[in-house]
Amino acid sequence: MMERVVVLGRGAAGKSTAAAHLGRIAGLPVVALDRHFWRLGLAPMPRDEWTQLQHVLAAPDRWIMDGDLGPYDAPAARLERADTVMVLDFSLARCAWRAARRSRERADFWWWLLTWRYRSRAAVLDAAATFAPGADVHILRTPGELRCFLSTVASKLP
């Protein structure tokens, strides 16, 4: 039974949408990490403060936390509590198209988006293996795989 889910992945992969859908299916509250992390002017929260806040956010028994903050992230605090990790490993073309449609993004976002598969993906998977060794890890590479995963979850719930 899923109780604490971390959703990670490339920018504009659809992490928030997937988390909201899973939250409705599983009856879990969703914590959108972007809303907690970014300060005015899109200034990142200092790492030590971010880690402390994640411990507070991860303290409840049930939640879904969506967000991958790329080079600013420190996911250990939430991964240590997770029983399930979803990694949306969608293609660069799909994510770039979605990002271009949704809003103007800064240059550091585009760099992270472009290099995610070769730089951040390995770090995300290593962090999941290190800090959530008992968690079920699901690497979903296409929207179809995500839909199948969500359907499977829904079919297993009462």
N, C-alpha and C. Protein backbone atom coordinates (compact mmCIF):
# COMPACT_ATOMS: atom_id res chain seq x y z
N MET A 1 0.84 -1.19 0.00
CA MET A 1 0.00 0.00 0.00
C MET A 1 0.88 1.25 0.00
N MET A 2 0.63 2.14 -0.93
CA MET A 2 1.35 3.41 -1.01
C MET A 2 0.86 4.35 0.07
N GLU A 3 1.80 4.91 0.80
CA GLU A 3 1.44 5.90 1.82
C GLU A 3 2.26 7.17 1.68
N ARG A 4 3.51 7.02 1.22
CA ARG A 4 4.42 8.16 1.09
C ARG A 4 5.15 8.03 -0.25
N VAL A 5 4.79 8.90 -1.18
CA VAL A 5 5.26 8.81 -2.56
C VAL A 5 6.07 10.05 -2.92
N VAL A 6 7.24 9.85 -3.50
CA VAL A 6 8.06 10.93 -4.03
C VAL A 6 8.01 10.84 -5.54
N VAL A 7 7.69 11.97 -6.19
CA VAL A 7 7.63 12.04 -7.65
C VAL A 7 8.76 12.95 -8.13
N LEU A 8 9.66 12.38 -8.92
CA LEU A 8 10.82 13.09 -9.44
C LEU A 8 10.83 13.02 -10.95
N GLY A 9 11.65 13.86 -11.58
CA GLY A 9 11.79 13.79 -13.03
C GLY A 9 12.17 15.12 -13.62
N ARG A 10 12.42 15.08 -14.90
CA ARG A 10 12.82 16.25 -15.67
C ARG A 10 11.75 17.34 -15.59
N GLY A 11 12.18 18.58 -15.71
CA GLY A 11 11.26 19.70 -15.73
C GLY A 11 10.22 19.52 -16.82
N ALA A 12 8.98 19.88 -16.51
CA ALA A 12 7.86 19.84 -17.44
C ALA A 12 7.46 18.42 -17.85
N ALA A 13 7.89 17.43 -17.09
CA ALA A 13 7.50 16.05 -17.38
C ALA A 13 6.05 15.77 -16.99
N GLY A 14 5.51 16.60 -16.11
CA GLY A 14 4.14 16.38 -15.65
C GLY A 14 4.08 15.83 -14.24
N LYS A 15 5.10 16.12 -13.43
CA LYS A 15 5.15 15.61 -12.06
C LYS A 15 3.95 16.05 -11.23
N SER A 16 3.60 17.33 -11.32
CA SER A 16 2.48 17.85 -10.52
C SER A 16 1.16 17.25 -10.97
N THR A 17 0.98 17.11 -12.27
CA THR A 17 -0.25 16.51 -12.79
C THR A 17 -0.34 15.04 -12.37
N ALA A 18 0.76 14.31 -12.49
CA ALA A 18 0.77 12.90 -12.09
C ALA A 18 0.50 12.76 -10.60
N ALA A 19 1.11 13.63 -9.79
CA ALA A 19 0.91 13.57 -8.34
C ALA A 19 -0.55 13.86 -7.99
N ALA A 20 -1.14 14.86 -8.64
CA ALA A 20 -2.54 15.18 -8.37
C ALA A 20 -3.45 14.02 -8.74
N HIS A 21 -3.19 13.40 -9.87
CA HIS A 21 -4.00 12.24 -10.30
C HIS A 21 -3.84 11.08 -9.32
N LEU A 22 -2.60 10.78 -8.96
CA LEU A 22 -2.36 9.70 -8.00
C LEU A 22 -3.00 10.03 -6.65
N GLY A 23 -2.93 11.28 -6.25
CA GLY A 23 -3.55 11.69 -4.99
C GLY A 23 -5.05 11.43 -4.99
N ARG A 24 -5.72 11.73 -6.11
CA ARG A 24 -7.16 11.46 -6.20
C ARG A 24 -7.44 9.96 -6.15
N ILE A 25 -6.62 9.18 -6.84
CA ILE A 25 -6.83 7.73 -6.88
C ILE A 25 -6.62 7.11 -5.50
N ALA A 26 -5.50 7.47 -4.86
CA ALA A 26 -5.09 6.81 -3.62
C ALA A 26 -5.58 7.52 -2.36
N GLY A 27 -6.19 8.69 -2.53
CA GLY A 27 -6.67 9.42 -1.36
C GLY A 27 -5.54 9.99 -0.52
N LEU A 28 -4.45 10.37 -1.18
CA LEU A 28 -3.29 10.91 -0.47
C LEU A 28 -3.19 12.41 -0.71
N PRO A 29 -2.81 13.17 0.33
CA PRO A 29 -2.60 14.61 0.13
C PRO A 29 -1.33 14.85 -0.69
N VAL A 30 -1.38 15.87 -1.53
CA VAL A 30 -0.24 16.20 -2.40
C VAL A 30 0.46 17.45 -1.86
N VAL A 31 1.78 17.34 -1.76
CA VAL A 31 2.61 18.48 -1.36
C VAL A 31 3.42 18.89 -2.59
N ALA A 32 3.12 20.08 -3.10
CA ALA A 32 3.84 20.62 -4.27
C ALA A 32 5.08 21.33 -3.76
N LEU A 33 6.24 20.71 -3.93
CA LEU A 33 7.47 21.23 -3.34
C LEU A 33 7.89 22.58 -3.92
N ASP A 34 7.58 22.84 -5.18
CA ASP A 34 7.93 24.13 -5.78
C ASP A 34 7.35 25.29 -4.96
N ARG A 35 6.16 25.10 -4.43
CA ARG A 35 5.51 26.17 -3.66
C ARG A 35 6.22 26.46 -2.35
N HIS A 36 6.93 25.48 -1.83
CA HIS A 36 7.65 25.66 -0.57
C HIS A 36 9.09 26.13 -0.78
N PHE A 37 9.69 25.74 -1.88
CA PHE A 37 11.12 25.93 -2.09
C PHE A 37 11.51 27.31 -2.62
N TRP A 38 10.80 27.77 -3.64
CA TRP A 38 11.21 29.00 -4.33
C TRP A 38 10.76 30.23 -3.56
N ARG A 39 11.66 31.18 -3.44
CA ARG A 39 11.38 32.45 -2.78
C ARG A 39 11.07 33.51 -3.84
N LEU A 40 10.79 34.72 -3.37
CA LEU A 40 10.52 35.81 -4.29
C LEU A 40 11.63 35.94 -5.32
N GLY A 41 11.25 36.21 -6.55
CA GLY A 41 12.23 36.34 -7.62
C GLY A 41 12.86 35.02 -8.03
N LEU A 42 12.20 33.92 -7.68
CA LEU A 42 12.70 32.56 -7.95
C LEU A 42 14.09 32.33 -7.36
N ALA A 43 14.31 32.86 -6.18
CA ALA A 43 15.55 32.59 -5.46
C ALA A 43 15.40 31.26 -4.73
N PRO A 44 16.38 30.37 -4.84
CA PRO A 44 16.27 29.07 -4.16
C PRO A 44 16.45 29.22 -2.64
N MET A 45 15.79 28.36 -1.91
CA MET A 45 15.94 28.32 -0.46
C MET A 45 17.33 27.75 -0.14
N PRO A 46 18.01 28.25 0.87
CA PRO A 46 19.30 27.67 1.25
C PRO A 46 19.16 26.18 1.59
N ARG A 47 20.17 25.40 1.22
CA ARG A 47 20.11 23.94 1.33
C ARG A 47 19.78 23.46 2.74
N ASP A 48 20.41 24.02 3.78
CA ASP A 48 20.14 23.54 5.13
C ASP A 48 18.71 23.84 5.56
N GLU A 49 18.21 25.00 5.17
CA GLU A 49 16.82 25.35 5.46
C GLU A 49 15.86 24.44 4.70
N TRP A 50 16.20 24.13 3.45
CA TRP A 50 15.37 23.24 2.62
C TRP A 50 15.32 21.84 3.23
N THR A 51 16.44 21.35 3.68
CA THR A 51 16.47 20.02 4.30
C THR A 51 15.60 19.99 5.56
N GLN A 52 15.71 21.00 6.39
CA GLN A 52 14.89 21.07 7.62
C GLN A 52 13.40 21.12 7.28
N LEU A 53 13.04 21.93 6.30
CA LEU A 53 11.63 22.03 5.92
C LEU A 53 11.11 20.69 5.40
N GLN A 54 11.91 19.98 4.63
CA GLN A 54 11.47 18.67 4.11
C GLN A 54 11.22 17.68 5.23
N HIS A 55 12.02 17.72 6.29
CA HIS A 55 11.77 16.84 7.44
C HIS A 55 10.39 17.13 8.03
N VAL A 56 10.02 18.39 8.10
CA VAL A 56 8.69 18.76 8.61
C VAL A 56 7.61 18.28 7.64
N LEU A 57 7.80 18.54 6.35
CA LEU A 57 6.81 18.14 5.35
C LEU A 57 6.64 16.62 5.27
N ALA A 58 7.72 15.88 5.52
CA ALA A 58 7.68 14.41 5.41
C ALA A 58 7.25 13.73 6.70
N ALA A 59 7.03 14.49 7.78
CA ALA A 59 6.68 13.88 9.07
C ALA A 59 5.33 13.17 9.08
N PRO A 60 4.29 13.67 8.40
CA PRO A 60 3.01 12.94 8.42
C PRO A 60 3.14 11.53 7.83
N ASP A 61 2.16 10.70 8.13
CA ASP A 61 2.20 9.31 7.68
C ASP A 61 1.81 9.10 6.23
N ARG A 62 1.10 10.07 5.64
CA ARG A 62 0.59 9.87 4.28
C ARG A 62 0.78 11.13 3.47
N TRP A 63 1.36 11.00 2.27
CA TRP A 63 1.56 12.15 1.39
C TRP A 63 2.11 11.71 0.04
N ILE A 64 2.01 12.63 -0.91
CA ILE A 64 2.73 12.55 -2.17
C ILE A 64 3.49 13.87 -2.27
N MET A 65 4.77 13.81 -2.52
CA MET A 65 5.57 15.02 -2.72
C MET A 65 6.07 15.03 -4.15
N ASP A 66 5.64 16.07 -4.87
CA ASP A 66 6.09 16.17 -6.25
C ASP A 66 7.05 17.34 -6.39
N GLY A 67 8.12 17.08 -7.09
CA GLY A 67 9.09 18.12 -7.36
C GLY A 67 10.49 17.56 -7.48
N ASP A 68 11.19 18.06 -8.46
CA ASP A 68 12.59 17.75 -8.67
C ASP A 68 13.24 19.10 -8.92
N LEU A 69 14.00 19.55 -7.97
CA LEU A 69 14.55 20.90 -8.01
C LEU A 69 15.95 20.93 -8.60
N GLY A 70 16.28 19.88 -9.32
CA GLY A 70 17.53 19.83 -10.06
C GLY A 70 18.74 20.07 -9.18
N PRO A 71 19.65 20.93 -9.60
CA PRO A 71 20.89 21.13 -8.86
C PRO A 71 20.68 21.77 -7.49
N TYR A 72 19.49 22.31 -7.23
CA TYR A 72 19.20 22.92 -5.94
C TYR A 72 18.65 21.92 -4.93
N ASP A 73 18.29 20.75 -5.39
CA ASP A 73 17.56 19.81 -4.54
C ASP A 73 18.47 19.07 -3.57
N ALA A 74 17.86 18.61 -2.49
CA ALA A 74 18.49 17.76 -1.48
C ALA A 74 17.40 16.77 -1.05
N PRO A 75 17.16 15.72 -1.84
CA PRO A 75 15.97 14.89 -1.65
C PRO A 75 16.05 13.85 -0.53
N ALA A 76 17.17 13.73 0.15
CA ALA A 76 17.33 12.66 1.14
C ALA A 76 16.22 12.66 2.19
N ALA A 77 15.86 13.83 2.71
CA ALA A 77 14.87 13.90 3.79
C ALA A 77 13.53 13.30 3.39
N ARG A 78 13.11 13.54 2.16
CA ARG A 78 11.82 12.97 1.74
C ARG A 78 11.97 11.53 1.27
N LEU A 79 13.10 11.20 0.65
CA LEU A 79 13.29 9.82 0.20
C LEU A 79 13.40 8.85 1.37
N GLU A 80 13.99 9.29 2.47
CA GLU A 80 14.13 8.42 3.65
C GLU A 80 12.78 7.96 4.18
N ARG A 81 11.74 8.74 3.95
CA ARG A 81 10.40 8.40 4.44
C ARG A 81 9.53 7.74 3.36
N ALA A 82 9.98 7.73 2.13
CA ALA A 82 9.16 7.25 1.02
C ALA A 82 9.05 5.73 1.00
N ASP A 83 7.87 5.26 0.63
CA ASP A 83 7.70 3.83 0.35
C ASP A 83 7.59 3.59 -1.16
N THR A 84 7.39 4.68 -1.90
CA THR A 84 7.26 4.59 -3.35
C THR A 84 7.96 5.80 -3.98
N VAL A 85 8.71 5.56 -5.05
CA VAL A 85 9.36 6.63 -5.80
C VAL A 85 8.97 6.47 -7.26
N MET A 86 8.43 7.55 -7.81
CA MET A 86 8.11 7.58 -9.24
C MET A 86 9.08 8.53 -9.91
N VAL A 87 9.73 8.06 -10.98
CA VAL A 87 10.64 8.90 -11.75
C VAL A 87 10.05 9.02 -13.15
N LEU A 88 9.67 10.25 -13.52
CA LEU A 88 9.15 10.49 -14.86
C LEU A 88 10.34 10.82 -15.76
N ASP A 89 10.74 9.84 -16.52
CA ASP A 89 11.92 9.93 -17.39
C ASP A 89 11.48 10.13 -18.84
N PHE A 90 10.67 11.17 -19.06
CA PHE A 90 10.12 11.44 -20.38
C PHE A 90 11.18 12.07 -21.27
N SER A 91 10.94 12.03 -22.57
CA SER A 91 11.92 12.51 -23.54
C SER A 91 12.13 14.02 -23.44
N LEU A 92 13.30 14.44 -23.87
CA LEU A 92 13.62 15.86 -23.93
C LEU A 92 12.63 16.61 -24.81
N ALA A 93 12.32 16.05 -25.97
CA ALA A 93 11.41 16.72 -26.90
C ALA A 93 10.05 16.97 -26.24
N ARG A 94 9.50 15.97 -25.58
CA ARG A 94 8.19 16.12 -24.93
C ARG A 94 8.24 17.18 -23.84
N CYS A 95 9.27 17.14 -23.00
CA CYS A 95 9.36 18.08 -21.88
C CYS A 95 9.65 19.50 -22.36
N ALA A 96 10.49 19.65 -23.37
CA ALA A 96 10.79 20.97 -23.90
C ALA A 96 9.53 21.58 -24.52
N TRP A 97 8.76 20.79 -25.23
CA TRP A 97 7.51 21.27 -25.82
C TRP A 97 6.54 21.71 -24.73
N ARG A 98 6.41 20.91 -23.68
CA ARG A 98 5.51 21.27 -22.58
C ARG A 98 5.99 22.54 -21.87
N ALA A 99 7.29 22.65 -21.65
CA ALA A 99 7.84 23.84 -20.98
C ALA A 99 7.61 25.10 -21.81
N ALA A 100 7.82 24.99 -23.11
CA ALA A 100 7.62 26.14 -23.98
C ALA A 100 6.16 26.59 -24.00
N ARG A 101 5.24 25.64 -23.89
CA ARG A 101 3.81 25.97 -23.89
C ARG A 101 3.34 26.59 -22.59
N ARG A 102 3.95 26.20 -21.46
CA ARG A 102 3.38 26.62 -20.18
C ARG A 102 3.83 28.00 -19.71
N SER A 103 5.08 28.39 -19.95
CA SER A 103 5.53 29.69 -19.47
C SER A 103 6.94 29.98 -19.94
N ARG A 104 7.37 31.21 -19.71
CA ARG A 104 8.77 31.55 -19.96
C ARG A 104 9.60 30.95 -18.84
N GLU A 105 10.71 30.38 -19.18
CA GLU A 105 11.59 29.77 -18.19
C GLU A 105 12.96 30.43 -18.25
N ARG A 106 13.66 30.37 -17.14
CA ARG A 106 15.00 30.95 -17.07
C ARG A 106 16.01 30.04 -17.75
N ALA A 107 17.18 30.59 -18.04
CA ALA A 107 18.23 29.83 -18.71
C ALA A 107 18.67 28.63 -17.90
N ASP A 108 18.74 28.75 -16.56
CA ASP A 108 19.17 27.60 -15.75
C ASP A 108 18.16 26.46 -15.82
N PHE A 109 16.87 26.77 -15.97
CA PHE A 109 15.86 25.73 -16.15
C PHE A 109 16.12 24.98 -17.46
N TRP A 110 16.35 25.74 -18.55
CA TRP A 110 16.56 25.09 -19.84
C TRP A 110 17.83 24.24 -19.83
N TRP A 111 18.87 24.69 -19.16
CA TRP A 111 20.10 23.90 -19.06
C TRP A 111 19.82 22.59 -18.32
N TRP A 112 19.09 22.68 -17.21
CA TRP A 112 18.73 21.49 -16.44
C TRP A 112 17.87 20.55 -17.29
N LEU A 113 16.90 21.12 -18.01
CA LEU A 113 16.05 20.30 -18.87
C LEU A 113 16.87 19.57 -19.93
N LEU A 114 17.78 20.29 -20.57
CA LEU A 114 18.61 19.70 -21.63
C LEU A 114 19.54 18.61 -21.11
N THR A 115 20.06 18.78 -19.91
CA THR A 115 21.09 17.87 -19.40
C THR A 115 20.55 16.85 -18.40
N TRP A 116 19.25 16.86 -18.13
CA TRP A 116 18.69 16.01 -17.07
C TRP A 116 19.05 14.54 -17.24
N ARG A 117 18.83 14.00 -18.42
CA ARG A 117 19.04 12.56 -18.60
C ARG A 117 20.49 12.16 -18.36
N TYR A 118 21.43 13.04 -18.66
CA TYR A 118 22.85 12.69 -18.56
C TYR A 118 23.48 13.13 -17.25
N ARG A 119 22.87 14.08 -16.55
CA ARG A 119 23.45 14.58 -15.31
C ARG A 119 22.57 14.25 -14.11
N SER A 120 21.34 14.67 -14.14
CA SER A 120 20.47 14.57 -12.97
C SER A 120 19.86 13.18 -12.80
N ARG A 121 19.55 12.48 -13.88
CA ARG A 121 18.88 11.18 -13.78
C ARG A 121 19.68 10.22 -12.92
N ALA A 122 20.97 10.11 -13.17
CA ALA A 122 21.80 9.19 -12.37
C ALA A 122 21.80 9.60 -10.90
N ALA A 123 21.88 10.90 -10.63
CA ALA A 123 21.87 11.37 -9.24
C ALA A 123 20.54 11.04 -8.56
N VAL A 124 19.43 11.20 -9.29
CA VAL A 124 18.11 10.88 -8.76
C VAL A 124 18.01 9.39 -8.42
N LEU A 125 18.44 8.54 -9.35
CA LEU A 125 18.36 7.10 -9.12
C LEU A 125 19.30 6.66 -8.00
N ASP A 126 20.50 7.26 -7.93
CA ASP A 126 21.43 6.96 -6.83
C ASP A 126 20.83 7.37 -5.49
N ALA A 127 20.21 8.56 -5.45
CA ALA A 127 19.60 9.03 -4.20
C ALA A 127 18.48 8.10 -3.77
N ALA A 128 17.66 7.66 -4.72
CA ALA A 128 16.58 6.72 -4.38
C ALA A 128 17.15 5.42 -3.83
N ALA A 129 18.19 4.90 -4.46
CA ALA A 129 18.80 3.64 -3.99
C ALA A 129 19.44 3.81 -2.62
N THR A 130 20.04 4.96 -2.37
CA THR A 130 20.74 5.21 -1.11
C THR A 130 19.78 5.51 0.04
N PHE A 131 18.82 6.41 -0.20
CA PHE A 131 17.98 6.91 0.89
C PHE A 131 16.61 6.24 0.98
N ALA A 132 16.22 5.50 -0.05
CA ALA A 132 14.94 4.79 -0.03
C ALA A 132 15.14 3.36 -0.51
N PRO A 133 16.06 2.62 0.13
CA PRO A 133 16.38 1.28 -0.39
C PRO A 133 15.23 0.30 -0.35
N GLY A 134 14.26 0.51 0.52
CA GLY A 134 13.12 -0.39 0.60
C GLY A 134 11.92 0.05 -0.21
N ALA A 135 12.03 1.19 -0.86
CA ALA A 135 10.91 1.74 -1.62
C ALA A 135 10.75 1.04 -2.96
N ASP A 136 9.51 1.03 -3.44
CA ASP A 136 9.23 0.57 -4.80
C ASP A 136 9.57 1.74 -5.73
N VAL A 137 10.49 1.53 -6.66
CA VAL A 137 10.90 2.58 -7.59
C VAL A 137 10.31 2.25 -8.96
N HIS A 138 9.60 3.23 -9.52
CA HIS A 138 8.96 3.07 -10.82
C HIS A 138 9.53 4.11 -11.77
N ILE A 139 10.25 3.68 -12.79
CA ILE A 139 10.79 4.59 -13.80
C ILE A 139 9.84 4.53 -14.98
N LEU A 140 9.17 5.64 -15.23
CA LEU A 140 8.14 5.71 -16.26
C LEU A 140 8.66 6.58 -17.40
N ARG A 141 8.78 6.00 -18.58
CA ARG A 141 9.46 6.68 -19.69
C ARG A 141 8.53 7.36 -20.69
N THR A 142 7.24 7.07 -20.61
CA THR A 142 6.29 7.67 -21.55
C THR A 142 4.98 7.98 -20.82
N PRO A 143 4.18 8.88 -21.37
CA PRO A 143 2.86 9.11 -20.78
C PRO A 143 2.02 7.83 -20.74
N GLY A 144 2.19 6.96 -21.72
CA GLY A 144 1.45 5.69 -21.73
C GLY A 144 1.85 4.81 -20.55
N GLU A 145 3.14 4.75 -20.24
CA GLU A 145 3.58 3.98 -19.07
C GLU A 145 3.02 4.58 -17.79
N LEU A 146 2.96 5.90 -17.72
CA LEU A 146 2.39 6.56 -16.55
C LEU A 146 0.91 6.22 -16.41
N ARG A 147 0.16 6.31 -17.52
CA ARG A 147 -1.27 5.95 -17.48
C ARG A 147 -1.47 4.52 -17.03
N CYS A 148 -0.65 3.61 -17.54
CA CYS A 148 -0.74 2.19 -17.15
C CYS A 148 -0.46 2.03 -15.66
N PHE A 149 0.58 2.71 -15.17
CA PHE A 149 0.91 2.64 -13.75
C PHE A 149 -0.26 3.13 -12.90
N LEU A 150 -0.83 4.29 -13.26
CA LEU A 150 -1.93 4.84 -12.49
C LEU A 150 -3.16 3.92 -12.54
N SER A 151 -3.42 3.31 -13.68
CA SER A 151 -4.53 2.37 -13.81
C SER A 151 -4.30 1.15 -12.92
N THR A 152 -3.08 0.66 -12.89
CA THR A 152 -2.75 -0.48 -12.05
C THR A 152 -2.96 -0.14 -10.57
N VAL A 153 -2.49 1.04 -10.16
CA VAL A 153 -2.70 1.48 -8.78
C VAL A 153 -4.19 1.53 -8.46
N ALA A 154 -4.95 2.13 -9.36
CA ALA A 154 -6.40 2.26 -9.14
C ALA A 154 -7.07 0.89 -9.04
N SER A 155 -6.62 -0.07 -9.83
CA SER A 155 -7.26 -1.40 -9.80
C SER A 155 -6.93 -2.18 -8.54
N LYS A 156 -5.86 -1.83 -7.84
CA LYS A 156 -5.47 -2.54 -6.63
C LYS A 156 -6.07 -1.95 -5.36
N LEU A 157 -6.68 -0.78 -5.48
CA LEU A 157 -7.25 -0.13 -4.31
C LEU A 157 -8.72 -0.56 -4.14
N PRO A 158 -9.17 -0.59 -2.89
CA PRO A 158 -10.57 -0.99 -2.65
C PRO A 158 -11.56 0.04 -3.18
